[in-house]
Amino acid sequence: MKNDRIVHNFYKILGISTLAIGVSIGAANVSGKSLGLALVLDGSGSISPSDFALQTGAYQSIFQDSFYTNYVAPSMESGDSLYMGVYQFSTGVVREVGYTRIDSDTSAYAFGSEFSKISQQYGATNTAAATNMAASDLVANKYTNKVIDISTDGVPTYGGNAITAANQAKQQGVRVNALGVGGIDTNFLQQFTKAGGGFYSTAPDFTEFSNALSKKLTREIKSSGNASAVPEIDVAGATLGIPLLASLMLIFRERKRNRRVSSC
């Protein structure tokens, strides 16, 4: 009982309750989380038919080459699940492939085959509409973690403000990442992904797109999975890692010991 009171008083020093600590730690270790990943492809007229084929072909090749074994299994814990959907945007946005659970190399292979059926839309570049639609679908599906992965060769030329759309997505718990191809304005990519709470990467052209995409998918799945994550405790907007918590416990115990010595 005495030790329990000491620990409880320690939590009071931090300004949090033992109940809050227990809930936070428990939430960090619970399996059964889901990742919804929206793959959003640029199909605007600035992309040549041959480059669009390289874009869709890169996705197909990655998903049909032991994708679950190479990307998902090493990055997500047992009981977690990955769902992926595909969009194409130009002047408007098209839902090309509905959200599909990727739980084996077989399901990944079948998902990859859908990319060969996608026809280029051409038109302008409406990045905002694509972001809004993908975010809305991810939120509606109630995935634990929600990520938009946009590949594009240029800045928006039509529709609303893409940076505002990315920020709105972030406010709904959706992270926005981007893969820019060719001579794209990296200032836009930086502002866009910063507003969306994500990151961006680049490829010099569509012949190098596959390598960049592979690295990007690895990072997205790993950062959203928890295979190597350290549980953290969020306290009033500040995050306390387990090592820091342990250090504070040692400090508290040392102070208690010093008080006992002084009273002797």
C-alpha atoms as a PDB file:
ATOM      1  CA  MET A   1       0.000   0.000   0.000  1.00  0.00           C
ATOM      2  CA  LYS A   2       2.814   2.398   0.869  1.00  0.00           C
ATOM      3  CA  ASN A   3       4.482   1.826  -2.494  1.00  0.00           C
ATOM      4  CA  ASP A   4       1.160   2.381  -4.234  1.00  0.00           C
ATOM      5  CA  ARG A   5       0.782   5.742  -2.481  1.00  0.00           C
ATOM      6  CA  ILE A   6       4.310   6.726  -3.503  1.00  0.00           C
ATOM      7  CA  VAL A   7       3.640   5.908  -7.143  1.00  0.00           C
ATOM      8  CA  HIS A   8       0.295   7.704  -7.014  1.00  0.00           C
ATOM      9  CA  ASN A   9       1.952  10.798  -5.545  1.00  0.00           C
ATOM     10  CA  PHE A  10       4.546  10.654  -8.306  1.00  0.00           C
ATOM     11  CA  TYR A  11       1.833  10.772 -10.928  1.00  0.00           C
ATOM     12  CA  LYS A  12       0.268  13.720  -9.096  1.00  0.00           C
ATOM     13  CA  ILE A  13       3.581  15.571  -9.363  1.00  0.00           C
ATOM     14  CA  LEU A  14       3.379  15.159 -13.134  1.00  0.00           C
ATOM     15  CA  GLY A  15      -0.146  16.553 -13.032  1.00  0.00           C
ATOM     16  CA  ILE A  16      -1.798  13.406 -14.340  1.00  0.00           C
ATOM     17  CA  SER A  17      -3.750  10.546 -12.840  1.00  0.00           C
ATOM     18  CA  THR A  18      -2.761   6.903 -12.610  1.00  0.00           C
ATOM     19  CA  LEU A  19      -5.870   6.121 -14.639  1.00  0.00           C
ATOM     20  CA  ALA A  20      -4.769   8.390 -17.481  1.00  0.00           C
ATOM     21  CA  ILE A  21      -1.338   6.760 -17.521  1.00  0.00           C
ATOM     22  CA  GLY A  22      -2.833   3.283 -17.631  1.00  0.00           C
ATOM     23  CA  VAL A  23      -5.149   4.142 -20.506  1.00  0.00           C
ATOM     24  CA  SER A  24      -2.357   5.756 -22.545  1.00  0.00           C
ATOM     25  CA  ILE A  25       0.037   2.852 -22.144  1.00  0.00           C
ATOM     26  CA  GLY A  26      -2.679   0.324 -22.889  1.00  0.00           C
ATOM     27  CA  ALA A  27      -3.703   2.133 -26.067  1.00  0.00           C
ATOM     28  CA  ALA A  28      -0.106   2.098 -27.294  1.00  0.00           C
ATOM     29  CA  ASN A  29       0.116  -1.675 -27.011  1.00  0.00           C
ATOM     30  CA  VAL A  30      -3.266  -2.773 -28.300  1.00  0.00           C
ATOM     31  CA  SER A  31      -3.093  -4.713 -31.581  1.00  0.00           C
ATOM     32  CA  GLY A  32      -5.800  -4.818 -34.187  1.00  0.00           C
ATOM     33  CA  LYS A  33      -5.101  -1.381 -35.637  1.00  0.00           C
ATOM     34  CA  SER A  34      -5.866  -0.629 -39.272  1.00  0.00           C
ATOM     35  CA  LEU A  35      -4.028   1.469 -41.839  1.00  0.00           C
ATOM     36  CA  GLY A  36      -5.963   2.985 -44.715  1.00  0.00           C
ATOM     37  CA  LEU A  37      -3.659   4.067 -47.534  1.00  0.00           C
ATOM     38  CA  ALA A  38      -5.078   6.091 -50.427  1.00  0.00           C
ATOM     39  CA  LEU A  39      -2.930   5.874 -53.565  1.00  0.00           C
ATOM     40  CA  VAL A  40      -3.702   8.985 -55.611  1.00  0.00           C
ATOM     41  CA  LEU A  41      -2.302   9.078 -59.163  1.00  0.00           C
ATOM     42  CA  ASP A  42      -1.916  12.141 -61.357  1.00  0.00           C
ATOM     43  CA  GLY A  43      -3.581  11.497 -64.719  1.00  0.00           C
ATOM     44  CA  SER A  44      -3.467  15.063 -66.039  1.00  0.00           C
ATOM     45  CA  GLY A  45      -2.568  16.012 -69.591  1.00  0.00           C
ATOM     46  CA  SER A  46       0.952  17.112 -68.654  1.00  0.00           C
ATOM     47  CA  ILE A  47       1.856  13.440 -68.289  1.00  0.00           C
ATOM     48  CA  SER A  48       2.498  11.663 -71.572  1.00  0.00           C
ATOM     49  CA  PRO A  49       0.783   8.315 -72.234  1.00  0.00           C
ATOM     50  CA  SER A  50       4.119   6.522 -71.980  1.00  0.00           C
ATOM     51  CA  ASP A  51       4.903   8.150 -68.624  1.00  0.00           C
ATOM     52  CA  PHE A  52       1.427   7.358 -67.316  1.00  0.00           C
ATOM     53  CA  ALA A  53       2.043   3.728 -68.279  1.00  0.00           C
ATOM     54  CA  LEU A  54       5.322   3.825 -66.351  1.00  0.00           C
ATOM     55  CA  GLN A  55       3.452   5.220 -63.350  1.00  0.00           C
ATOM     56  CA  THR A  56       0.739   2.560 -63.277  1.00  0.00           C
ATOM     57  CA  GLY A  57       3.242  -0.127 -64.230  1.00  0.00           C
ATOM     58  CA  ALA A  58       5.413   0.748 -61.236  1.00  0.00           C
ATOM     59  CA  TYR A  59       2.503   0.234 -58.858  1.00  0.00           C
ATOM     60  CA  GLN A  60       1.561  -3.044 -60.518  1.00  0.00           C
ATOM     61  CA  SER A  61       5.119  -4.354 -60.425  1.00  0.00           C
ATOM     62  CA  ILE A  62       5.595  -3.530 -56.745  1.00  0.00           C
ATOM     63  CA  PHE A  63       2.322  -5.110 -55.651  1.00  0.00           C
ATOM     64  CA  GLN A  64       2.917  -8.246 -57.705  1.00  0.00           C
ATOM     65  CA  ASP A  65       6.416  -8.876 -56.354  1.00  0.00           C
ATOM     66  CA  SER A  66       5.794 -10.439 -52.909  1.00  0.00           C
ATOM     67  CA  PHE A  67       4.450  -7.125 -51.621  1.00  0.00           C
ATOM     68  CA  TYR A  68       2.981  -8.487 -48.403  1.00  0.00           C
ATOM     69  CA  THR A  69       6.146 -10.408 -47.550  1.00  0.00           C
ATOM     70  CA  ASN A  70       8.501  -7.545 -48.383  1.00  0.00           C
ATOM     71  CA  TYR A  71       6.554  -4.489 -47.208  1.00  0.00           C
ATOM     72  CA  VAL A  72       3.707  -5.371 -44.867  1.00  0.00           C
ATOM     73  CA  ALA A  73       4.835  -8.311 -42.740  1.00  0.00           C
ATOM     74  CA  PRO A  74       8.094  -6.657 -41.547  1.00  0.00           C
ATOM     75  CA  SER A  75       6.335  -3.406 -40.633  1.00  0.00           C
ATOM     76  CA  MET A  76       2.999  -4.252 -39.035  1.00  0.00           C
ATOM     77  CA  GLU A  77       2.221  -6.241 -35.918  1.00  0.00           C
ATOM     78  CA  SER A  78       0.138  -9.393 -35.852  1.00  0.00           C
ATOM     79  CA  GLY A  79      -3.522  -8.475 -35.840  1.00  0.00           C
ATOM     80  CA  ASP A  80      -3.016  -5.178 -37.668  1.00  0.00           C
ATOM     81  CA  SER A  81      -4.514  -4.715 -41.119  1.00  0.00           C
ATOM     82  CA  LEU A  82      -3.749  -2.751 -44.282  1.00  0.00           C
ATOM     83  CA  TYR A  83      -6.387  -1.429 -46.666  1.00  0.00           C
ATOM     84  CA  MET A  84      -5.514   0.318 -49.923  1.00  0.00           C
ATOM     85  CA  GLY A  85      -7.589   2.212 -52.462  1.00  0.00           C
ATOM     86  CA  VAL A  86      -6.693   3.915 -55.742  1.00  0.00           C
ATOM     87  CA  TYR A  87      -7.742   7.288 -57.167  1.00  0.00           C
ATOM     88  CA  GLN A  88      -6.858   9.153 -60.343  1.00  0.00           C
ATOM     89  CA  PHE A  89      -7.112  12.921 -60.572  1.00  0.00           C
ATOM     90  CA  SER A  90      -6.996  15.424 -63.394  1.00  0.00           C
ATOM     91  CA  THR A  91      -9.697  18.086 -63.759  1.00  0.00           C
ATOM     92  CA  GLY A  92     -11.864  15.796 -61.644  1.00  0.00           C
ATOM     93  CA  VAL A  93     -11.263  12.738 -59.480  1.00  0.00           C
ATOM     94  CA  VAL A  94     -12.088   9.083 -60.173  1.00  0.00           C
ATOM     95  CA  ARG A  95     -12.194   6.244 -57.655  1.00  0.00           C
ATOM     96  CA  GLU A  96     -10.347   3.594 -59.633  1.00  0.00           C
ATOM     97  CA  VAL A  97     -10.087   0.749 -57.100  1.00  0.00           C
ATOM     98  CA  GLY A  98     -12.097   0.386 -53.903  1.00  0.00           C
ATOM     99  CA  TYR A  99     -10.384  -0.167 -50.580  1.00  0.00           C
ATOM    100  CA  THR A 100      -8.989  -3.673 -50.489  1.00  0.00           C
ATOM    101  CA  ARG A 101      -7.474  -5.544 -47.576  1.00  0.00           C
ATOM    102  CA  ILE A 102      -3.919  -6.622 -48.314  1.00  0.00           C
ATOM    103  CA  ASP A 103      -3.307  -9.640 -46.091  1.00  0.00           C
ATOM    104  CA  SER A 104      -1.178 -11.884 -48.303  1.00  0.00           C
ATOM    105  CA  ASP A 105       0.991 -11.841 -51.405  1.00  0.00           C
ATOM    106  CA  THR A 106      -1.984 -13.272 -53.280  1.00  0.00           C
ATOM    107  CA  SER A 107      -4.309 -10.402 -52.375  1.00  0.00           C
ATOM    108  CA  ALA A 108      -1.542  -7.911 -53.159  1.00  0.00           C
ATOM    109  CA  TYR A 109      -0.997  -9.505 -56.572  1.00  0.00           C
ATOM    110  CA  ALA A 110      -4.693  -9.259 -57.406  1.00  0.00           C
ATOM    111  CA  PHE A 111      -4.743  -5.642 -56.243  1.00  0.00           C
ATOM    112  CA  GLY A 112      -1.758  -4.875 -58.461  1.00  0.00           C
ATOM    113  CA  SER A 113      -3.492  -6.279 -61.524  1.00  0.00           C
ATOM    114  CA  GLU A 114      -6.119  -3.523 -61.232  1.00  0.00           C
ATOM    115  CA  PHE A 115      -3.565  -0.908 -62.269  1.00  0.00           C
ATOM    116  CA  SER A 116      -3.416  -2.357 -65.782  1.00  0.00           C
ATOM    117  CA  LYS A 117      -7.102  -1.446 -66.178  1.00  0.00           C
ATOM    118  CA  ILE A 118      -6.675   2.267 -65.396  1.00  0.00           C
ATOM    119  CA  SER A 119      -7.076   4.612 -68.378  1.00  0.00           C
ATOM    120  CA  GLN A 120      -5.571   8.085 -68.242  1.00  0.00           C
ATOM    121  CA  GLN A 121      -8.084  10.913 -67.757  1.00  0.00           C
ATOM    122  CA  TYR A 122      -5.964  13.842 -69.082  1.00  0.00           C
ATOM    123  CA  GLY A 123      -7.147  17.380 -68.281  1.00  0.00           C
ATOM    124  CA  ALA A 124      -5.950  19.816 -65.593  1.00  0.00           C
ATOM    125  CA  THR A 125      -4.400  19.137 -62.160  1.00  0.00           C
ATOM    126  CA  ASN A 126      -6.994  19.333 -59.385  1.00  0.00           C
ATOM    127  CA  THR A 127      -4.927  18.303 -56.375  1.00  0.00           C
ATOM    128  CA  ALA A 128      -7.354  19.813 -53.860  1.00  0.00           C
ATOM    129  CA  ALA A 129     -10.316  17.750 -55.056  1.00  0.00           C
ATOM    130  CA  ALA A 130      -8.233  14.573 -54.962  1.00  0.00           C
ATOM    131  CA  THR A 131      -7.090  15.311 -51.421  1.00  0.00           C
ATOM    132  CA  ASN A 132     -10.616  16.105 -50.269  1.00  0.00           C
ATOM    133  CA  MET A 133     -12.149  12.949 -51.748  1.00  0.00           C
ATOM    134  CA  ALA A 134      -9.461  10.619 -50.437  1.00  0.00           C
ATOM    135  CA  ALA A 135      -9.585  12.172 -46.959  1.00  0.00           C
ATOM    136  CA  SER A 136     -13.373  11.917 -46.847  1.00  0.00           C
ATOM    137  CA  ASP A 137     -13.300   8.228 -47.787  1.00  0.00           C
ATOM    138  CA  LEU A 138     -10.560   7.385 -45.278  1.00  0.00           C
ATOM    139  CA  VAL A 139     -12.422   9.101 -42.456  1.00  0.00           C
ATOM    140  CA  ALA A 140     -15.698   7.413 -43.426  1.00  0.00           C
ATOM    141  CA  ASN A 141     -13.998   4.008 -43.317  1.00  0.00           C
ATOM    142  CA  LYS A 142     -12.766   4.727 -39.766  1.00  0.00           C
ATOM    143  CA  TYR A 143      -9.259   3.339 -40.171  1.00  0.00           C
ATOM    144  CA  THR A 144      -7.017   3.762 -37.134  1.00  0.00           C
ATOM    145  CA  ASN A 145      -4.289   5.378 -39.239  1.00  0.00           C
ATOM    146  CA  LYS A 146      -5.118   7.239 -42.423  1.00  0.00           C
ATOM    147  CA  VAL A 147      -2.607   8.217 -45.126  1.00  0.00           C
ATOM    148  CA  ILE A 148      -2.950   9.871 -48.530  1.00  0.00           C
ATOM    149  CA  ASP A 149      -0.128   9.101 -50.977  1.00  0.00           C
ATOM    150  CA  ILE A 150      -0.219  11.458 -53.976  1.00  0.00           C
ATOM    151  CA  SER A 151       2.062  11.085 -56.986  1.00  0.00           C
ATOM    152  CA  THR A 152       2.194  14.073 -59.328  1.00  0.00           C
ATOM    153  CA  ASP A 153       4.374  15.787 -61.908  1.00  0.00           C
ATOM    154  CA  GLY A 154       3.199  19.347 -61.291  1.00  0.00           C
ATOM    155  CA  VAL A 155       1.529  21.977 -59.166  1.00  0.00           C
ATOM    156  CA  PRO A 156      -2.264  22.412 -59.108  1.00  0.00           C
ATOM    157  CA  THR A 157      -3.756  24.167 -62.132  1.00  0.00           C
ATOM    158  CA  TYR A 158      -7.449  23.804 -61.350  1.00  0.00           C
ATOM    159  CA  GLY A 159      -9.878  23.707 -58.450  1.00  0.00           C
ATOM    160  CA  GLY A 160      -9.433  24.797 -54.851  1.00  0.00           C
ATOM    161  CA  ASN A 161      -6.370  25.429 -52.716  1.00  0.00           C
ATOM    162  CA  ALA A 162      -4.440  22.179 -52.312  1.00  0.00           C
ATOM    163  CA  ILE A 163      -2.557  23.378 -49.231  1.00  0.00           C
ATOM    164  CA  THR A 164      -5.830  24.243 -47.510  1.00  0.00           C
ATOM    165  CA  ALA A 165      -7.194  20.819 -48.466  1.00  0.00           C
ATOM    166  CA  ALA A 166      -4.123  19.121 -46.990  1.00  0.00           C
ATOM    167  CA  ASN A 167      -4.506  21.058 -43.749  1.00  0.00           C
ATOM    168  CA  GLN A 168      -8.180  20.128 -43.540  1.00  0.00           C
ATOM    169  CA  ALA A 169      -7.236  16.483 -44.055  1.00  0.00           C
ATOM    170  CA  LYS A 170      -4.736  16.699 -41.201  1.00  0.00           C
ATOM    171  CA  GLN A 171      -7.408  18.163 -38.940  1.00  0.00           C
ATOM    172  CA  GLN A 172      -9.437  15.000 -39.624  1.00  0.00           C
ATOM    173  CA  GLY A 173      -6.543  12.742 -38.659  1.00  0.00           C
ATOM    174  CA  VAL A 174      -5.344  12.074 -42.213  1.00  0.00           C
ATOM    175  CA  ARG A 175      -1.662  12.385 -43.084  1.00  0.00           C
ATOM    176  CA  VAL A 176      -0.825  13.675 -46.574  1.00  0.00           C
ATOM    177  CA  ASN A 177       2.374  12.554 -48.338  1.00  0.00           C
ATOM    178  CA  ALA A 178       3.520  13.254 -51.890  1.00  0.00           C
ATOM    179  CA  LEU A 179       5.881  11.914 -54.533  1.00  0.00           C
ATOM    180  CA  GLY A 180       6.901  14.568 -57.038  1.00  0.00           C
ATOM    181  CA  VAL A 181       8.215  13.553 -60.456  1.00  0.00           C
ATOM    182  CA  GLY A 182      10.437  15.520 -62.826  1.00  0.00           C
ATOM    183  CA  GLY A 183      11.018  19.235 -62.434  1.00  0.00           C
ATOM    184  CA  ILE A 184       8.154  19.760 -60.004  1.00  0.00           C
ATOM    185  CA  ASP A 185       8.229  22.773 -57.681  1.00  0.00           C
ATOM    186  CA  THR A 186       9.581  21.362 -54.421  1.00  0.00           C
ATOM    187  CA  ASN A 187       8.438  24.486 -52.565  1.00  0.00           C
ATOM    188  CA  PHE A 188       4.873  23.441 -53.319  1.00  0.00           C
ATOM    189  CA  LEU A 189       5.553  19.860 -52.224  1.00  0.00           C
ATOM    190  CA  GLN A 190       7.049  21.104 -48.968  1.00  0.00           C
ATOM    191  CA  GLN A 191       4.134  23.422 -48.183  1.00  0.00           C
ATOM    192  CA  PHE A 192       1.556  20.840 -49.241  1.00  0.00           C
ATOM    193  CA  THR A 193       2.932  17.985 -47.145  1.00  0.00           C
ATOM    194  CA  LYS A 194       3.752  20.228 -44.183  1.00  0.00           C
ATOM    195  CA  ALA A 195       0.116  21.348 -44.141  1.00  0.00           C
ATOM    196  CA  GLY A 196      -0.900  17.686 -44.291  1.00  0.00           C
ATOM    197  CA  GLY A 197       1.465  16.581 -41.531  1.00  0.00           C
ATOM    198  CA  GLY A 198       3.380  14.306 -43.890  1.00  0.00           C
ATOM    199  CA  PHE A 199       6.516  14.175 -46.027  1.00  0.00           C
ATOM    200  CA  TYR A 200       7.464  14.333 -49.683  1.00  0.00           C
ATOM    201  CA  SER A 201      10.001  12.592 -51.880  1.00  0.00           C
ATOM    202  CA  THR A 202      10.999  13.049 -55.511  1.00  0.00           C
ATOM    203  CA  ALA A 203      11.963  11.077 -58.604  1.00  0.00           C
ATOM    204  CA  PRO A 204      13.902  12.686 -61.486  1.00  0.00           C
ATOM    205  CA  ASP A 205      11.522  11.193 -64.058  1.00  0.00           C
ATOM    206  CA  PHE A 206       9.062   8.343 -64.504  1.00  0.00           C
ATOM    207  CA  THR A 207      11.810   5.877 -65.422  1.00  0.00           C
ATOM    208  CA  GLU A 208      13.001   6.263 -61.816  1.00  0.00           C
ATOM    209  CA  PHE A 209       9.494   6.413 -60.377  1.00  0.00           C
ATOM    210  CA  SER A 210       9.399   2.772 -59.275  1.00  0.00           C
ATOM    211  CA  ASN A 211      12.465   3.069 -57.015  1.00  0.00           C
ATOM    212  CA  ALA A 212      11.152   6.227 -55.359  1.00  0.00           C
ATOM    213  CA  LEU A 213       7.702   4.697 -54.923  1.00  0.00           C
ATOM    214  CA  SER A 214       9.131   1.564 -53.318  1.00  0.00           C
ATOM    215  CA  LYS A 215      10.999   3.601 -50.711  1.00  0.00           C
ATOM    216  CA  LYS A 216       7.967   5.774 -50.078  1.00  0.00           C
ATOM    217  CA  LEU A 217       5.611   2.847 -49.502  1.00  0.00           C
ATOM    218  CA  THR A 218       8.118   1.243 -47.146  1.00  0.00           C
ATOM    219  CA  ARG A 219       8.303   4.428 -45.094  1.00  0.00           C
ATOM    220  CA  GLU A 220       4.543   4.948 -45.043  1.00  0.00           C
ATOM    221  CA  ILE A 221       3.676   1.437 -43.941  1.00  0.00           C
ATOM    222  CA  LYS A 222       6.476   1.252 -41.391  1.00  0.00           C
ATOM    223  CA  SER A 223       5.670   4.636 -39.825  1.00  0.00           C
ATOM    224  CA  SER A 224       1.982   3.750 -39.585  1.00  0.00           C
ATOM    225  CA  GLY A 225       2.630   0.236 -38.288  1.00  0.00           C
ATOM    226  CA  ASN A 226       4.060  -0.519 -34.858  1.00  0.00           C
ATOM    227  CA  ALA A 227       6.537  -3.326 -35.349  1.00  0.00           C
ATOM    228  CA  SER A 228       9.423  -1.251 -33.964  1.00  0.00           C
ATOM    229  CA  ALA A 229       7.577   1.600 -32.292  1.00  0.00           C
ATOM    230  CA  VAL A 230       8.261   2.580 -28.696  1.00  0.00           C
ATOM    231  CA  PRO A 231       5.068   3.174 -26.671  1.00  0.00           C
ATOM    232  CA  GLU A 232       4.638   6.807 -25.695  1.00  0.00           C
ATOM    233  CA  ILE A 233       2.430   8.638 -23.242  1.00  0.00           C
ATOM    234  CA  ASP A 234       0.754  11.832 -24.309  1.00  0.00           C
ATOM    235  CA  VAL A 235       0.251  14.262 -21.458  1.00  0.00           C
ATOM    236  CA  ALA A 236      -1.545  17.574 -22.024  1.00  0.00           C
ATOM    237  CA  GLY A 237      -0.148  17.932 -25.523  1.00  0.00           C
ATOM    238  CA  ALA A 238       3.415  16.876 -24.623  1.00  0.00           C
ATOM    239  CA  THR A 239       4.718  13.386 -25.347  1.00  0.00           C
ATOM    240  CA  LEU A 240       6.662  11.586 -22.649  1.00  0.00           C
ATOM    241  CA  GLY A 241       8.584   8.533 -23.809  1.00  0.00           C
ATOM    242  CA  ILE A 242       9.017   5.516 -21.576  1.00  0.00           C
ATOM    243  CA  PRO A 243      12.742   6.292 -20.976  1.00  0.00           C
ATOM    244  CA  LEU A 244      11.845   9.738 -19.643  1.00  0.00           C
ATOM    245  CA  LEU A 245       9.160   8.278 -17.404  1.00  0.00           C
ATOM    246  CA  ALA A 246      11.664   5.802 -15.971  1.00  0.00           C
ATOM    247  CA  SER A 247      14.149   8.601 -15.286  1.00  0.00           C
ATOM    248  CA  LEU A 248      11.523  10.632 -13.450  1.00  0.00           C
ATOM    249  CA  MET A 249      10.652   7.595 -11.339  1.00  0.00           C
ATOM    250  CA  LEU A 250      14.304   7.249 -10.307  1.00  0.00           C
ATOM    251  CA  ILE A 251      14.499  10.935  -9.392  1.00  0.00           C
ATOM    252  CA  PHE A 252      11.355  10.657  -7.287  1.00  0.00           C
ATOM    253  CA  ARG A 253      12.608   7.584  -5.441  1.00  0.00           C
ATOM    254  CA  GLU A 254      15.979   9.242  -4.774  1.00  0.00           C
ATOM    255  CA  ARG A 255      14.237  12.249  -3.263  1.00  0.00           C
ATOM    256  CA  LYS A 256      12.167   9.972  -1.025  1.00  0.00           C
ATOM    257  CA  ARG A 257      15.337   8.194   0.124  1.00  0.00           C
ATOM    258  CA  ASN A 258      17.088  11.484   0.886  1.00  0.00           C
ATOM    259  CA  ARG A 259      14.133  12.605   2.979  1.00  0.00           C
ATOM    260  CA  ARG A 260      14.284   9.420   5.036  1.00  0.00           C
ATOM    261  CA  VAL A 261      18.043   9.874   5.599  1.00  0.00           C
ATOM    262  CA  SER A 262      17.585  13.507   6.636  1.00  0.00           C
ATOM    263  CA  SER A 263      14.925  12.581   9.171  1.00  0.00           C
ATOM    264  CA  CYS A 264      17.203  10.074  10.904  1.00  0.00           C
END
